Amino acid sequence: ADTFSRYAMGWFRQAPGKERETVAVINW
């Protein structure tokens, strides 16, 4: 990313036959 970016980031996961789900999120 550029030096001045302010982006939140997240971890997600998906198991076979399951919907994608949120695991954790962190602010900028």
PDB file of all heavy atoms in Angstrom:
ATOM      1  N   ALA A   1       0.851  -1.181   0.000  1.00  0.00           N
ATOM      2  CA  ALA A   1       0.000   0.000   0.000  1.00  0.00           C
ATOM      3  C   ALA A   1       0.888   1.232   0.000  1.00  0.00           C
ATOM      4  O   ALA A   1       2.081   1.139   0.302  1.00  0.00           O
ATOM      5  CB  ALA A   1      -0.930  -0.001   1.211  1.00  0.00           C
ATOM      6  N   ASP A   2       0.315   2.374  -0.320  1.00  0.00           N
ATOM      7  CA  ASP A   2       1.114   3.586  -0.272  1.00  0.00           C
ATOM      8  C   ASP A   2       1.379   3.973   1.172  1.00  0.00           C
ATOM      9  O   ASP A   2       0.709   3.518   2.100  1.00  0.00           O
ATOM     10  CB  ASP A   2       0.462   4.726  -1.074  1.00  0.00           C
ATOM     11  CG  ASP A   2      -0.735   5.333  -0.396  1.00  0.00           C
ATOM     12  OD1 ASP A   2      -0.579   5.922   0.695  1.00  0.00           O
ATOM     13  OD2 ASP A   2      -1.839   5.251  -0.956  1.00  0.00           O
ATOM     14  N   THR A   3       2.349   4.825   1.378  1.00  0.00           N
ATOM     15  CA  THR A   3       2.833   5.180   2.706  1.00  0.00           C
ATOM     16  C   THR A   3       1.753   5.798   3.589  1.00  0.00           C
ATOM     17  O   THR A   3       1.776   5.631   4.809  1.00  0.00           O
ATOM     18  CB  THR A   3       4.027   6.139   2.588  1.00  0.00           C
ATOM     19  OG1 THR A   3       5.043   5.543   1.777  1.00  0.00           O
ATOM     20  CG2 THR A   3       4.600   6.477   3.960  1.00  0.00           C
ATOM     21  N   PHE A   4       0.799   6.476   3.004  1.00  0.00           N
ATOM     22  CA  PHE A   4      -0.196   7.228   3.766  1.00  0.00           C
ATOM     23  C   PHE A   4      -1.543   6.528   3.865  1.00  0.00           C
ATOM     24  O   PHE A   4      -2.529   7.149   4.280  1.00  0.00           O
ATOM     25  CB  PHE A   4      -0.375   8.608   3.138  1.00  0.00           C
ATOM     26  CG  PHE A   4       0.906   9.360   3.008  1.00  0.00           C
ATOM     27  CD1 PHE A   4       1.545   9.471   1.781  1.00  0.00           C
ATOM     28  CD2 PHE A   4       1.500   9.940   4.116  1.00  0.00           C
ATOM     29  CE1 PHE A   4       2.738  10.149   1.657  1.00  0.00           C
ATOM     30  CE2 PHE A   4       2.695  10.626   4.009  1.00  0.00           C
ATOM     31  CZ  PHE A   4       3.317  10.733   2.783  1.00  0.00           C
ATOM     32  N   SER A   5      -1.604   5.263   3.512  1.00  0.00           N
ATOM     33  CA  SER A   5      -2.857   4.536   3.569  1.00  0.00           C
ATOM     34  C   SER A   5      -3.321   4.336   5.005  1.00  0.00           C
ATOM     35  O   SER A   5      -2.509   4.191   5.926  1.00  0.00           O
ATOM     36  CB  SER A   5      -2.719   3.183   2.873  1.00  0.00           C
ATOM     37  OG  SER A   5      -1.728   2.389   3.506  1.00  0.00           O
ATOM     38  N   ARG A   6      -4.631   4.328   5.196  1.00  0.00           N
ATOM     39  CA  ARG A   6      -5.249   4.077   6.499  1.00  0.00           C
ATOM     40  C   ARG A   6      -6.343   3.038   6.271  1.00  0.00           C
ATOM     41  O   ARG A   6      -7.516   3.384   6.115  1.00  0.00           O
ATOM     42  CB  ARG A   6      -5.805   5.364   7.098  1.00  0.00           C
ATOM     43  CG  ARG A   6      -4.738   6.405   7.422  1.00  0.00           C
ATOM     44  CD  ARG A   6      -5.333   7.724   7.866  1.00  0.00           C
ATOM     45  NE  ARG A   6      -6.202   7.593   9.026  1.00  0.00           N
ATOM     46  CZ  ARG A   6      -6.770   8.610   9.668  1.00  0.00           C
ATOM     47  NH1 ARG A   6      -6.540   9.847   9.258  1.00  0.00           N
ATOM     48  NH2 ARG A   6      -7.559   8.392  10.699  1.00  0.00           N
ATOM     49  N   TYR A   7      -5.939   1.777   6.264  1.00  0.00           N
ATOM     50  CA  TYR A   7      -6.836   0.691   5.912  1.00  0.00           C
ATOM     51  C   TYR A   7      -7.045  -0.256   7.075  1.00  0.00           C
ATOM     52  O   TYR A   7      -6.087  -0.725   7.683  1.00  0.00           O
ATOM     53  CB  TYR A   7      -6.270  -0.111   4.743  1.00  0.00           C
ATOM     54  CG  TYR A   7      -6.021   0.656   3.469  1.00  0.00           C
ATOM     55  CD1 TYR A   7      -5.031   0.227   2.588  1.00  0.00           C
ATOM     56  CD2 TYR A   7      -6.753   1.776   3.129  1.00  0.00           C
ATOM     57  CE1 TYR A   7      -4.790   0.906   1.407  1.00  0.00           C
ATOM     58  CE2 TYR A   7      -6.517   2.465   1.952  1.00  0.00           C
ATOM     59  CZ  TYR A   7      -5.536   2.027   1.096  1.00  0.00           C
ATOM     60  OH  TYR A   7      -5.298   2.698  -0.075  1.00  0.00           O
ATOM     61  N   ALA A   8      -8.295  -0.560   7.363  1.00  0.00           N
ATOM     62  CA  ALA A   8      -8.597  -1.662   8.262  1.00  0.00           C
ATOM     63  C   ALA A   8      -8.279  -2.989   7.567  1.00  0.00           C
ATOM     64  O   ALA A   8      -8.323  -3.089   6.335  1.00  0.00           O
ATOM     65  CB  ALA A   8     -10.067  -1.626   8.686  1.00  0.00           C
ATOM     66  N   MET A   9      -7.967  -4.011   8.359  1.00  0.00           N
ATOM     67  CA  MET A   9      -7.613  -5.323   7.822  1.00  0.00           C
ATOM     68  C   MET A   9      -8.414  -6.395   8.545  1.00  0.00           C
ATOM     69  O   MET A   9      -8.780  -6.229   9.712  1.00  0.00           O
ATOM     70  CB  MET A   9      -6.122  -5.605   8.002  1.00  0.00           C
ATOM     71  CG  MET A   9      -5.194  -4.575   7.371  1.00  0.00           C
ATOM     72  SD  MET A   9      -5.182  -4.655   5.566  1.00  0.00           S
ATOM     73  CE  MET A   9      -4.344  -6.224   5.310  1.00  0.00           C
ATOM     74  N   GLY A  10      -8.659  -7.496   7.855  1.00  0.00           N
ATOM     75  CA  GLY A  10      -9.417  -8.581   8.454  1.00  0.00           C
ATOM     76  C   GLY A  10      -8.878  -9.948   8.090  1.00  0.00           C
ATOM     77  O   GLY A  10      -8.190 -10.117   7.081  1.00  0.00           O
ATOM     78  N   TRP A  11      -9.190 -10.923   8.945  1.00  0.00           N
ATOM     79  CA  TRP A  11      -8.978 -12.336   8.657  1.00  0.00           C
ATOM     80  C   TRP A  11     -10.337 -13.012   8.538  1.00  0.00           C
ATOM     81  O   TRP A  11     -11.226 -12.797   9.377  1.00  0.00           O
ATOM     82  CB  TRP A  11      -8.171 -13.025   9.751  1.00  0.00           C
ATOM     83  CG  TRP A  11      -6.711 -12.691   9.743  1.00  0.00           C
ATOM     84  CD1 TRP A  11      -6.068 -11.802  10.543  1.00  0.00           C
ATOM     85  CD2 TRP A  11      -5.709 -13.263   8.900  1.00  0.00           C
ATOM     86  NE1 TRP A  11      -4.731 -11.778  10.256  1.00  0.00           N
ATOM     87  CE2 TRP A  11      -4.482 -12.667   9.250  1.00  0.00           C
ATOM     88  CE3 TRP A  11      -5.727 -14.227   7.882  1.00  0.00           C
ATOM     89  CZ2 TRP A  11      -3.279 -12.995   8.617  1.00  0.00           C
ATOM     90  CZ3 TRP A  11      -4.536 -14.553   7.253  1.00  0.00           C
ATOM     91  CH2 TRP A  11      -3.336 -13.934   7.621  1.00  0.00           C
ATOM     92  N   PHE A  12     -10.482 -13.840   7.521  1.00  0.00           N
ATOM     93  CA  PHE A  12     -11.699 -14.583   7.254  1.00  0.00           C
ATOM     94  C   PHE A  12     -11.329 -16.030   6.988  1.00  0.00           C
ATOM     95  O   PHE A  12     -10.166 -16.338   6.727  1.00  0.00           O
ATOM     96  CB  PHE A  12     -12.438 -13.988   6.052  1.00  0.00           C
ATOM     97  CG  PHE A  12     -12.782 -12.537   6.219  1.00  0.00           C
ATOM     98  CD1 PHE A  12     -11.833 -11.551   5.985  1.00  0.00           C
ATOM     99  CD2 PHE A  12     -14.043 -12.154   6.630  1.00  0.00           C
ATOM    100  CE1 PHE A  12     -12.140 -10.210   6.152  1.00  0.00           C
ATOM    101  CE2 PHE A  12     -14.367 -10.816   6.800  1.00  0.00           C
ATOM    102  CZ  PHE A  12     -13.415  -9.848   6.564  1.00  0.00           C
ATOM    103  N   ARG A  13     -12.308 -16.915   7.046  1.00  0.00           N
ATOM    104  CA  ARG A  13     -12.036 -18.311   6.747  1.00  0.00           C
ATOM    105  C   ARG A  13     -13.247 -18.954   6.082  1.00  0.00           C
ATOM    106  O   ARG A  13     -14.382 -18.504   6.251  1.00  0.00           O
ATOM    107  CB  ARG A  13     -11.646 -19.092   8.007  1.00  0.00           C
ATOM    108  CG  ARG A  13     -12.755 -19.251   9.032  1.00  0.00           C
ATOM    109  CD  ARG A  13     -12.208 -19.894  10.302  1.00  0.00           C
ATOM    110  NE  ARG A  13     -13.259 -20.152  11.278  1.00  0.00           N
ATOM    111  CZ  ARG A  13     -13.041 -20.578  12.514  1.00  0.00           C
ATOM    112  NH1 ARG A  13     -11.796 -20.787  12.936  1.00  0.00           N
ATOM    113  NH2 ARG A  13     -14.064 -20.787  13.334  1.00  0.00           N
ATOM    114  N   GLN A  14     -12.963 -20.009   5.330  1.00  0.00           N
ATOM    115  CA  GLN A  14     -14.018 -20.748   4.655  1.00  0.00           C
ATOM    116  C   GLN A  14     -13.666 -22.226   4.645  1.00  0.00           C
ATOM    117  O   GLN A  14     -12.620 -22.617   4.132  1.00  0.00           O
ATOM    118  CB  GLN A  14     -14.227 -20.241   3.236  1.00  0.00           C
ATOM    119  CG  GLN A  14     -15.447 -20.829   2.556  1.00  0.00           C
ATOM    120  CD  GLN A  14     -15.844 -20.066   1.311  1.00  0.00           C
ATOM    121  OE1 GLN A  14     -15.034 -19.366   0.714  1.00  0.00           O
ATOM    122  NE2 GLN A  14     -17.096 -20.191   0.918  1.00  0.00           N
ATOM    123  N   ALA A  15     -14.539 -23.026   5.221  1.00  0.00           N
ATOM    124  CA  ALA A  15     -14.396 -24.471   5.216  1.00  0.00           C
ATOM    125  C   ALA A  15     -15.230 -25.057   4.082  1.00  0.00           C
ATOM    126  O   ALA A  15     -16.194 -24.441   3.621  1.00  0.00           O
ATOM    127  CB  ALA A  15     -14.836 -25.047   6.560  1.00  0.00           C
ATOM    128  N   PRO A  16     -14.888 -26.261   3.614  1.00  0.00           N
ATOM    129  CA  PRO A  16     -15.676 -26.889   2.540  1.00  0.00           C
ATOM    130  C   PRO A  16     -17.149 -26.993   2.900  1.00  0.00           C
ATOM    131  O   PRO A  16     -17.508 -27.445   3.989  1.00  0.00           O
ATOM    132  CB  PRO A  16     -15.040 -28.269   2.407  1.00  0.00           C
ATOM    133  CG  PRO A  16     -13.640 -28.087   2.891  1.00  0.00           C
ATOM    134  CD  PRO A  16     -13.740 -27.089   4.004  1.00  0.00           C
ATOM    135  N   GLY A  17     -18.006 -26.556   1.978  1.00  0.00           N
ATOM    136  CA  GLY A  17     -19.435 -26.614   2.194  1.00  0.00           C
ATOM    137  C   GLY A  17     -19.992 -25.553   3.116  1.00  0.00           C
ATOM    138  O   GLY A  17     -21.192 -25.562   3.407  1.00  0.00           O
ATOM    139  N   LYS A  18     -19.154 -24.633   3.573  1.00  0.00           N
ATOM    140  CA  LYS A  18     -19.575 -23.582   4.491  1.00  0.00           C
ATOM    141  C   LYS A  18     -19.434 -22.212   3.835  1.00  0.00           C
ATOM    142  O   LYS A  18     -18.685 -22.037   2.874  1.00  0.00           O
ATOM    143  CB  LYS A  18     -18.725 -23.609   5.764  1.00  0.00           C
ATOM    144  CG  LYS A  18     -18.789 -24.904   6.550  1.00  0.00           C
ATOM    145  CD  LYS A  18     -20.046 -24.976   7.391  1.00  0.00           C
ATOM    146  CE  LYS A  18     -19.980 -26.147   8.355  1.00  0.00           C
ATOM    147  NZ  LYS A  18     -21.180 -26.207   9.219  1.00  0.00           N
ATOM    148  N   GLU A  19     -20.151 -21.238   4.369  1.00  0.00           N
ATOM    149  CA  GLU A  19     -20.014 -19.864   3.924  1.00  0.00           C
ATOM    150  C   GLU A  19     -18.756 -19.245   4.524  1.00  0.00           C
ATOM    151  O   GLU A  19     -18.272 -19.661   5.575  1.00  0.00           O
ATOM    152  CB  GLU A  19     -21.231 -19.045   4.333  1.00  0.00           C
ATOM    153  CG  GLU A  19     -22.534 -19.479   3.684  1.00  0.00           C
ATOM    154  CD  GLU A  19     -22.544 -19.233   2.196  1.00  0.00           C
ATOM    155  OE1 GLU A  19     -22.008 -18.186   1.758  1.00  0.00           O
ATOM    156  OE2 GLU A  19     -23.076 -20.066   1.460  1.00  0.00           O
ATOM    157  N   ARG A  20     -18.250 -18.234   3.839  1.00  0.00           N
ATOM    158  CA  ARG A  20     -17.121 -17.491   4.376  1.00  0.00           C
ATOM    159  C   ARG A  20     -17.551 -16.763   5.646  1.00  0.00           C
ATOM    160  O   ARG A  20     -18.632 -16.172   5.708  1.00  0.00           O
ATOM    161  CB  ARG A  20     -16.612 -16.493   3.341  1.00  0.00           C
ATOM    162  CG  ARG A  20     -15.374 -15.722   3.775  1.00  0.00           C
ATOM    163  CD  ARG A  20     -14.779 -14.963   2.601  1.00  0.00           C
ATOM    164  NE  ARG A  20     -14.371 -15.882   1.545  1.00  0.00           N
ATOM    165  CZ  ARG A  20     -13.802 -15.502   0.398  1.00  0.00           C
ATOM    166  NH1 ARG A  20     -13.574 -14.218   0.161  1.00  0.00           N
ATOM    167  NH2 ARG A  20     -13.469 -16.411  -0.505  1.00  0.00           N
ATOM    168  N   GLU A  21     -16.699 -16.800   6.668  1.00  0.00           N
ATOM    169  CA  GLU A  21     -17.030 -16.160   7.922  1.00  0.00           C
ATOM    170  C   GLU A  21     -15.899 -15.270   8.400  1.00  0.00           C
ATOM    171  O   GLU A  21     -14.722 -15.513   8.128  1.00  0.00           O
ATOM    172  CB  GLU A  21     -17.372 -17.198   8.999  1.00  0.00           C
ATOM    173  CG  GLU A  21     -16.239 -18.125   9.376  1.00  0.00           C
ATOM    174  CD  GLU A  21     -16.647 -19.147  10.428  1.00  0.00           C
ATOM    175  OE1 GLU A  21     -17.818 -19.148  10.855  1.00  0.00           O
ATOM    176  OE2 GLU A  21     -15.786 -19.949  10.835  1.00  0.00           O
ATOM    177  N   THR A  22     -16.277 -14.238   9.128  1.00  0.00           N
ATOM    178  CA  THR A  22     -15.315 -13.318   9.702  1.00  0.00           C
ATOM    179  C   THR A  22     -14.657 -13.944  10.924  1.00  0.00           C
ATOM    180  O   THR A  22     -15.335 -14.533  11.767  1.00  0.00           O
ATOM    181  CB  THR A  22     -16.003 -12.009  10.099  1.00  0.00           C
ATOM    182  OG1 THR A  22     -16.700 -11.481   8.968  1.00  0.00           O
ATOM    183  CG2 THR A  22     -14.996 -10.987  10.586  1.00  0.00           C
ATOM    184  N   VAL A  23     -13.348 -13.818  11.017  1.00  0.00           N
ATOM    185  CA  VAL A  23     -12.594 -14.316  12.160  1.00  0.00           C
ATOM    186  C   VAL A  23     -12.186 -13.172  13.078  1.00  0.00           C
ATOM    187  O   VAL A  23     -12.465 -13.193  14.280  1.00  0.00           O
ATOM    188  CB  VAL A  23     -11.350 -15.097  11.702  1.00  0.00           C
ATOM    189  CG1 VAL A  23     -10.506 -15.526  12.899  1.00  0.00           C
ATOM    190  CG2 VAL A  23     -11.759 -16.305  10.872  1.00  0.00           C
ATOM    191  N   ALA A  24     -11.522 -12.163  12.524  1.00  0.00           N
ATOM    192  CA  ALA A  24     -11.038 -11.034  13.301  1.00  0.00           C
ATOM    193  C   ALA A  24     -10.831  -9.850  12.381  1.00  0.00           C
ATOM    194  O   ALA A  24     -10.561 -10.008  11.193  1.00  0.00           O
ATOM    195  CB  ALA A  24      -9.723 -11.382  14.015  1.00  0.00           C
ATOM    196  N   VAL A  25     -10.948  -8.648  12.940  1.00  0.00           N
ATOM    197  CA  VAL A  25     -10.746  -7.416  12.187  1.00  0.00           C
ATOM    198  C   VAL A  25      -9.984  -6.441  13.077  1.00  0.00           C
ATOM    199  O   VAL A  25     -10.194  -6.412  14.292  1.00  0.00           O
ATOM    200  CB  VAL A  25     -12.075  -6.782  11.737  1.00  0.00           C
ATOM    201  CG1 VAL A  25     -11.820  -5.568  10.841  1.00  0.00           C
ATOM    202  CG2 VAL A  25     -12.941  -7.796  11.003  1.00  0.00           C
ATOM    203  N   ILE A  26      -9.131  -5.633  12.467  1.00  0.00           N
ATOM    204  CA  ILE A  26      -8.359  -4.645  13.196  1.00  0.00           C
ATOM    205  C   ILE A  26      -8.431  -3.313  12.457  1.00  0.00           C
ATOM    206  O   ILE A  26      -8.434  -3.280  11.227  1.00  0.00           O
ATOM    207  CB  ILE A  26      -6.896  -5.122  13.385  1.00  0.00           C
ATOM    208  CG1 ILE A  26      -6.154  -4.262  14.410  1.00  0.00           C
ATOM    209  CG2 ILE A  26      -6.147  -5.152  12.054  1.00  0.00           C
ATOM    210  CD1 ILE A  26      -4.859  -4.921  14.889  1.00  0.00           C
ATOM    211  N   ASN A  27      -8.519  -2.212  13.201  1.00  0.00           N
ATOM    212  CA  ASN A  27      -8.596  -0.907  12.558  1.00  0.00           C
ATOM    213  C   ASN A  27      -7.228  -0.456  12.074  1.00  0.00           C
ATOM    214  O   ASN A  27      -6.222  -1.147  12.262  1.00  0.00           O
ATOM    215  CB  ASN A  27      -9.246   0.121  13.498  1.00  0.00           C
ATOM    216  CG  ASN A  27      -8.330   0.577  14.620  1.00  0.00           C
ATOM    217  OD1 ASN A  27      -7.417  -0.135  15.021  1.00  0.00           O
ATOM    218  ND2 ASN A  27      -8.580   1.776  15.132  1.00  0.00           N
ATOM    219  N   TRP A  28      -7.186   0.715  11.465  1.00  0.00           N
ATOM    220  CA  TRP A  28      -6.001   1.121  10.706  1.00  0.00           C
ATOM    221  C   TRP A  28      -4.732   1.228  11.537  1.00  0.00           C
ATOM    222  O   TRP A  28      -3.644   0.942  11.037  1.00  0.00           O
ATOM    223  CB  TRP A  28      -6.260   2.453   9.994  1.00  0.00           C
ATOM    224  CG  TRP A  28      -6.177   3.643  10.893  1.00  0.00           C
ATOM    225  CD1 TRP A  28      -7.134   4.120  11.741  1.00  0.00           C
ATOM    226  CD2 TRP A  28      -5.054   4.517  11.028  1.00  0.00           C
ATOM    227  NE1 TRP A  28      -6.686   5.237  12.396  1.00  0.00           N
ATOM    228  CE2 TRP A  28      -5.406   5.499  11.973  1.00  0.00           C
ATOM    229  CE3 TRP A  28      -3.795   4.568  10.439  1.00  0.00           C
ATOM    230  CZ2 TRP A  28      -4.543   6.526  12.350  1.00  0.00           C
ATOM    231  CZ3 TRP A  28      -2.932   5.588  10.806  1.00  0.00           C
ATOM    232  CH2 TRP A  28      -3.304   6.540  11.744  1.00  0.00           C
TER     233      TRP A  28
END
